[in-house]
Amino acid sequence: MPFVVPLSSTCQYMNFDIGVKIVILVSVIVIIIIIIIIIAIIYVVLVIVIIIIIIIIIIIIIISS
């Protein structure tokens, strides 16, 4: 009988440990996805801004010439 309790508690601890690892893994994946999305948004905004600036420069050149 003495062996039953330590075994079950160890098993529960292992399950808890696995659960914690899964939670950490999922949270890390979510954080990475969020970072990638933020970088993508920033990249898109930068590209749009650069395109707008180029268009403005072209318009200024056309008007001035």
PDB file of N, CA and C in Angstrom:
ATOM      1  N   MET A   1       0.816  -1.232   0.000  1.00  0.00           N
ATOM      2  CA  MET A   1       0.000   0.000   0.000  1.00  0.00           C
ATOM      3  C   MET A   1       0.849   1.283   0.000  1.00  0.00           C
ATOM      4  N   PRO A   2       1.961   1.299   0.748  1.00  0.00           N
ATOM      5  CA  PRO A   2       2.734   2.562   0.795  1.00  0.00           C
ATOM      6  C   PRO A   2       3.196   3.024  -0.599  1.00  0.00           C
ATOM      7  N   PHE A   3       3.359   2.039  -1.512  1.00  0.00           N
ATOM      8  CA  PHE A   3       3.868   2.387  -2.848  1.00  0.00           C
ATOM      9  C   PHE A   3       2.817   3.072  -3.723  1.00  0.00           C
ATOM     10  N   VAL A   4       1.532   2.873  -3.400  1.00  0.00           N
ATOM     11  CA  VAL A   4       0.450   3.355  -4.267  1.00  0.00           C
ATOM     12  C   VAL A   4       0.406   4.891  -4.282  1.00  0.00           C
ATOM     13  N   VAL A   5       0.493   5.486  -3.103  1.00  0.00           N
ATOM     14  CA  VAL A   5       0.334   6.949  -2.992  1.00  0.00           C
ATOM     15  C   VAL A   5       1.469   7.692  -3.708  1.00  0.00           C
ATOM     16  N   PRO A   6       2.759   7.345  -3.459  1.00  0.00           N
ATOM     17  CA  PRO A   6       3.842   8.049  -4.167  1.00  0.00           C
ATOM     18  C   PRO A   6       3.739   7.894  -5.676  1.00  0.00           C
ATOM     19  N   LEU A   7       3.336   6.696  -6.138  1.00  0.00           N
ATOM     20  CA  LEU A   7       3.219   6.422  -7.567  1.00  0.00           C
ATOM     21  C   LEU A   7       2.158   7.330  -8.188  1.00  0.00           C
ATOM     22  N   SER A   8       0.985   7.407  -7.553  1.00  0.00           N
ATOM     23  CA  SER A   8      -0.115   8.206  -8.091  1.00  0.00           C
ATOM     24  C   SER A   8       0.249   9.696  -8.068  1.00  0.00           C
ATOM     25  N   SER A   9       0.907  10.131  -6.983  1.00  0.00           N
ATOM     26  CA  SER A   9       1.284  11.548  -6.883  1.00  0.00           C
ATOM     27  C   SER A   9       2.334  11.882  -7.940  1.00  0.00           C
ATOM     28  N   THR A  10       3.249  10.946  -8.188  1.00  0.00           N
ATOM     29  CA  THR A  10       4.267  11.132  -9.221  1.00  0.00           C
ATOM     30  C   THR A  10       3.597  11.227 -10.592  1.00  0.00           C
ATOM     31  N   CYS A  11       2.625  10.363 -10.822  1.00  0.00           N
ATOM     32  CA  CYS A  11       1.888  10.328 -12.080  1.00  0.00           C
ATOM     33  C   CYS A  11       1.166  11.667 -12.278  1.00  0.00           C
ATOM     34  N   GLN A  12       0.496  12.139 -11.230  1.00  0.00           N
ATOM     35  CA  GLN A  12      -0.221  13.417 -11.301  1.00  0.00           C
ATOM     36  C   GLN A  12       0.775  14.556 -11.566  1.00  0.00           C
ATOM     37  N   TYR A  13       1.941  14.487 -10.909  1.00  0.00           N
ATOM     38  CA  TYR A  13       2.960  15.519 -11.109  1.00  0.00           C
ATOM     39  C   TYR A  13       3.437  15.515 -12.561  1.00  0.00           C
ATOM     40  N   MET A  14       3.653  14.313 -13.122  1.00  0.00           N
ATOM     41  CA  MET A  14       4.091  14.195 -14.518  1.00  0.00           C
ATOM     42  C   MET A  14       3.041  14.777 -15.459  1.00  0.00           C
ATOM     43  N   ASN A  15       1.776  14.448 -15.216  1.00  0.00           N
ATOM     44  CA  ASN A  15       0.680  14.984 -16.028  1.00  0.00           C
ATOM     45  C   ASN A  15       0.654  16.512 -15.936  1.00  0.00           C
ATOM     46  N   PHE A  16       0.813  17.016 -14.703  1.00  0.00           N
ATOM     47  CA  PHE A  16       0.843  18.464 -14.477  1.00  0.00           C
ATOM     48  C   PHE A  16       2.009  19.085 -15.239  1.00  0.00           C
ATOM     49  N   ASP A  17       3.167  18.428 -15.160  1.00  0.00           N
ATOM     50  CA  ASP A  17       4.378  18.909 -15.828  1.00  0.00           C
ATOM     51  C   ASP A  17       4.154  18.964 -17.340  1.00  0.00           C
ATOM     52  N   ILE A  18       3.570  17.906 -17.896  1.00  0.00           N
ATOM     53  CA  ILE A  18       3.265  17.850 -19.332  1.00  0.00           C
ATOM     54  C   ILE A  18       2.288  18.977 -19.695  1.00  0.00           C
ATOM     55  N   GLY A  19       1.269  19.173 -18.856  1.00  0.00           N
ATOM     56  CA  GLY A  19       0.282  20.242 -19.067  1.00  0.00           C
ATOM     57  C   GLY A  19       0.944  21.602 -19.104  1.00  0.00           C
ATOM     58  N   VAL A  20       1.860  21.823 -18.151  1.00  0.00           N
ATOM     59  CA  VAL A  20       2.581  23.098 -18.081  1.00  0.00           C
ATOM     60  C   VAL A  20       3.414  23.300 -19.341  1.00  0.00           C
ATOM     61  N   LYS A  21       4.098  22.226 -19.784  1.00  0.00           N
ATOM     62  CA  LYS A  21       4.918  22.311 -20.999  1.00  0.00           C
ATOM     63  C   LYS A  21       4.058  22.635 -22.215  1.00  0.00           C
ATOM     64  N   ILE A  22       2.894  22.009 -22.309  1.00  0.00           N
ATOM     65  CA  ILE A  22       1.970  22.264 -23.418  1.00  0.00           C
ATOM     66  C   ILE A  22       1.517  23.721 -23.403  1.00  0.00           C
ATOM     67  N   VAL A  23       1.149  24.220 -22.209  1.00  0.00           N
ATOM     68  CA  VAL A  23       0.693  25.615 -22.056  1.00  0.00           C
ATOM     69  C   VAL A  23       1.810  26.571 -22.484  1.00  0.00           C
ATOM     70  N   ILE A  24       3.037  26.305 -22.024  1.00  0.00           N
ATOM     71  CA  ILE A  24       4.184  27.159 -22.369  1.00  0.00           C
ATOM     72  C   ILE A  24       4.417  27.139 -23.873  1.00  0.00           C
ATOM     73  N   LEU A  25       4.370  25.922 -24.450  1.00  0.00           N
ATOM     74  CA  LEU A  25       4.577  25.753 -25.897  1.00  0.00           C
ATOM     75  C   LEU A  25       3.542  26.541 -26.692  1.00  0.00           C
ATOM     76  N   VAL A  26       2.278  26.387 -26.303  1.00  0.00           N
ATOM     77  CA  VAL A  26       1.171  27.080 -26.987  1.00  0.00           C
ATOM     78  C   VAL A  26       1.344  28.596 -26.866  1.00  0.00           C
ATOM     79  N   SER A  27       1.679  29.062 -25.657  1.00  0.00           N
ATOM     80  CA  SER A  27       1.840  30.506 -25.440  1.00  0.00           C
ATOM     81  C   SER A  27       3.005  31.050 -26.266  1.00  0.00           C
ATOM     82  N   VAL A  28       4.089  30.284 -26.351  1.00  0.00           N
ATOM     83  CA  VAL A  28       5.254  30.698 -27.158  1.00  0.00           C
ATOM     84  C   VAL A  28       4.858  30.780 -28.631  1.00  0.00           C
ATOM     85  N   ILE A  29       4.128  29.758 -29.126  1.00  0.00           N
ATOM     86  CA  ILE A  29       3.671  29.741 -30.519  1.00  0.00           C
ATOM     87  C   ILE A  29       2.779  30.950 -30.793  1.00  0.00           C
ATOM     88  N   VAL A  30       1.851  31.236 -29.868  1.00  0.00           N
ATOM     89  CA  VAL A  30       0.937  32.386 -30.013  1.00  0.00           C
ATOM     90  C   VAL A  30       1.731  33.688 -30.070  1.00  0.00           C
ATOM     91  N   ILE A  31       2.719  33.828 -29.168  1.00  0.00           N
ATOM     92  CA  ILE A  31       3.550  35.039 -29.128  1.00  0.00           C
ATOM     93  C   ILE A  31       4.296  35.206 -30.453  1.00  0.00           C
ATOM     94  N   ILE A  32       4.869  34.090 -30.964  1.00  0.00           N
ATOM     95  CA  ILE A  32       5.601  34.130 -32.238  1.00  0.00           C
ATOM     96  C   ILE A  32       4.668  34.554 -33.373  1.00  0.00           C
ATOM     97  N   ILE A  33       3.456  33.984 -33.393  1.00  0.00           N
ATOM     98  CA  ILE A  33       2.468  34.322 -34.434  1.00  0.00           C
ATOM     99  C   ILE A  33       2.114  35.805 -34.363  1.00  0.00           C
ATOM    100  N   ILE A  34       1.891  36.313 -33.128  1.00  0.00           N
ATOM    101  CA  ILE A  34       1.548  37.730 -32.931  1.00  0.00           C
ATOM    102  C   ILE A  34       2.688  38.612 -33.436  1.00  0.00           C
ATOM    103  N   ILE A  35       3.939  38.244 -33.095  1.00  0.00           N
ATOM    104  CA  ILE A  35       5.107  39.016 -33.530  1.00  0.00           C
ATOM    105  C   ILE A  35       5.187  39.034 -35.057  1.00  0.00           C
ATOM    106  N   ILE A  36       4.966  37.861 -35.685  1.00  0.00           N
ATOM    107  CA  ILE A  36       5.007  37.760 -37.148  1.00  0.00           C
ATOM    108  C   ILE A  36       3.929  38.651 -37.770  1.00  0.00           C
ATOM    109  N   ILE A  37       2.716  38.628 -37.187  1.00  0.00           N
ATOM    110  CA  ILE A  37       1.605  39.456 -37.691  1.00  0.00           C
ATOM    111  C   ILE A  37       1.959  40.944 -37.578  1.00  0.00           C
ATOM    112  N   ILE A  38       2.530  41.332 -36.411  1.00  0.00           N
ATOM    113  CA  ILE A  38       2.906  42.742 -36.188  1.00  0.00           C
ATOM    114  C   ILE A  38       3.957  43.163 -37.217  1.00  0.00           C
ATOM    115  N   ILE A  39       4.977  42.303 -37.419  1.00  0.00           N
ATOM    116  CA  ILE A  39       6.031  42.602 -38.393  1.00  0.00           C
ATOM    117  C   ILE A  39       5.424  42.734 -39.790  1.00  0.00           C
ATOM    118  N   ALA A  40       4.501  41.819 -40.127  1.00  0.00           N
ATOM    119  CA  ALA A  40       3.844  41.855 -41.439  1.00  0.00           C
ATOM    120  C   ALA A  40       3.068  43.159 -41.626  1.00  0.00           C
ATOM    121  N   ILE A  41       2.328  43.571 -40.582  1.00  0.00           N
ATOM    122  CA  ILE A  41       1.546  44.815 -40.639  1.00  0.00           C
ATOM    123  C   ILE A  41       2.483  46.006 -40.837  1.00  0.00           C
ATOM    124  N   ILE A  42       3.569  46.041 -40.048  1.00  0.00           N
ATOM    125  CA  ILE A  42       4.541  47.136 -40.150  1.00  0.00           C
ATOM    126  C   ILE A  42       5.131  47.169 -41.556  1.00  0.00           C
ATOM    127  N   TYR A  43       5.482  45.973 -42.085  1.00  0.00           N
ATOM    128  CA  TYR A  43       6.065  45.865 -43.430  1.00  0.00           C
ATOM    129  C   TYR A  43       5.095  46.406 -44.475  1.00  0.00           C
ATOM    130  N   VAL A  44       3.832  45.988 -44.392  1.00  0.00           N
ATOM    131  CA  VAL A  44       2.799  46.439 -45.338  1.00  0.00           C
ATOM    132  C   VAL A  44       2.634  47.954 -45.257  1.00  0.00           C
ATOM    133  N   VAL A  45       2.561  48.483 -44.041  1.00  0.00           N
ATOM    134  CA  VAL A  45       2.409  49.931 -43.845  1.00  0.00           C
ATOM    135  C   VAL A  45       3.603  50.671 -44.452  1.00  0.00           C
ATOM    136  N   LEU A  46       4.810  50.157 -44.193  1.00  0.00           N
ATOM    137  CA  LEU A  46       6.021  50.778 -44.751  1.00  0.00           C
ATOM    138  C   LEU A  46       5.979  50.782 -46.277  1.00  0.00           C
ATOM    139  N   VAL A  47       5.599  49.640 -46.852  1.00  0.00           N
ATOM    140  CA  VAL A  47       5.515  49.537 -48.318  1.00  0.00           C
ATOM    141  C   VAL A  47       4.510  50.543 -48.868  1.00  0.00           C
ATOM    142  N   ILE A  48       3.332  50.638 -48.223  1.00  0.00           N
ATOM    143  CA  ILE A  48       2.295  51.590 -48.648  1.00  0.00           C
ATOM    144  C   ILE A  48       2.823  53.024 -48.562  1.00  0.00           C
ATOM    145  N   VAL A  49       3.494  53.344 -47.449  1.00  0.00           N
ATOM    146  CA  VAL A  49       4.054  54.692 -47.254  1.00  0.00           C
ATOM    147  C   VAL A  49       5.085  54.995 -48.345  1.00  0.00           C
ATOM    148  N   ILE A  50       5.964  54.023 -48.604  1.00  0.00           N
ATOM    149  CA  ILE A  50       7.003  54.213 -49.636  1.00  0.00           C
ATOM    150  C   ILE A  50       6.348  54.435 -51.004  1.00  0.00           C
ATOM    151  N   ILE A  51       5.327  53.655 -51.334  1.00  0.00           N
ATOM    152  CA  ILE A  51       4.610  53.800 -52.613  1.00  0.00           C
ATOM    153  C   ILE A  51       3.986  55.188 -52.709  1.00  0.00           C
ATOM    154  N   ILE A  52       3.334  55.638 -51.617  1.00  0.00           N
ATOM    155  CA  ILE A  52       2.702  56.966 -51.585  1.00  0.00           C
ATOM    156  C   ILE A  52       3.762  58.057 -51.802  1.00  0.00           C
ATOM    157  N   ILE A  53       4.913  57.922 -51.118  1.00  0.00           N
ATOM    158  CA  ILE A  53       5.997  58.901 -51.250  1.00  0.00           C
ATOM    159  C   ILE A  53       6.490  58.945 -52.695  1.00  0.00           C
ATOM    160  N   ILE A  54       6.683  57.764 -53.296  1.00  0.00           N
ATOM    161  CA  ILE A  54       7.142  57.691 -54.700  1.00  0.00           C
ATOM    162  C   ILE A  54       6.133  58.363 -55.624  1.00  0.00           C
ATOM    163  N   ILE A  55       4.842  58.080 -55.409  1.00  0.00           N
ATOM    164  CA  ILE A  55       3.778  58.694 -56.225  1.00  0.00           C
ATOM    165  C   ILE A  55       3.809  60.209 -56.079  1.00  0.00           C
ATOM    166  N   ILE A  56       3.947  60.699 -54.842  1.00  0.00           N
ATOM    167  CA  ILE A  56       4.003  62.141 -54.577  1.00  0.00           C
ATOM    168  C   ILE A  56       5.200  62.763 -55.293  1.00  0.00           C
ATOM    169  N   ILE A  57       6.362  62.089 -55.202  1.00  0.00           N
ATOM    170  CA  ILE A  57       7.581  62.588 -55.869  1.00  0.00           C
ATOM    171  C   ILE A  57       7.360  62.654 -57.379  1.00  0.00           C
ATOM    172  N   ILE A  58       6.766  61.600 -57.932  1.00  0.00           N
ATOM    173  CA  ILE A  58       6.491  61.562 -59.389  1.00  0.00           C
ATOM    174  C   ILE A  58       5.550  62.701 -59.775  1.00  0.00           C
ATOM    175  N   ILE A  59       4.490  62.914 -58.979  1.00  0.00           N
ATOM    176  CA  ILE A  59       3.526  64.000 -59.242  1.00  0.00           C
ATOM    177  C   ILE A  59       4.227  65.356 -59.188  1.00  0.00           C
ATOM    178  N   ILE A  60       5.087  65.546 -58.172  1.00  0.00           N
ATOM    179  CA  ILE A  60       5.827  66.808 -58.028  1.00  0.00           C
ATOM    180  C   ILE A  60       6.729  67.030 -59.245  1.00  0.00           C
ATOM    181  N   ILE A  61       7.424  65.962 -59.677  1.00  0.00           N
ATOM    182  CA  ILE A  61       8.307  66.064 -60.856  1.00  0.00           C
ATOM    183  C   ILE A  61       7.491  66.432 -62.096  1.00  0.00           C
ATOM    184  N   ILE A  62       6.328  65.768 -62.263  1.00  0.00           N
ATOM    185  CA  ILE A  62       5.470  66.038 -63.432  1.00  0.00           C
ATOM    186  C   ILE A  62       4.964  67.482 -63.400  1.00  0.00           C
ATOM    187  N   ILE A  63       4.504  67.933 -62.214  1.00  0.00           N
ATOM    188  CA  ILE A  63       3.969  69.298 -62.084  1.00  0.00           C
ATOM    189  C   ILE A  63       5.078  70.327 -62.318  1.00  0.00           C
ATOM    190  N   SER A  64       6.246  70.096 -61.738  1.00  0.00           N
ATOM    191  CA  SER A  64       7.346  71.063 -61.846  1.00  0.00           C
ATOM    192  C   SER A  64       7.895  71.116 -63.275  1.00  0.00           C
ATOM    193  N   SER A  65       7.855  70.007 -63.980  1.00  0.00           N
ATOM    194  CA  SER A  65       8.358  69.974 -65.361  1.00  0.00           C
ATOM    195  C   SER A  65       7.218  70.379 -66.306  1.00  0.00           C
TER     196      SER A  65
END
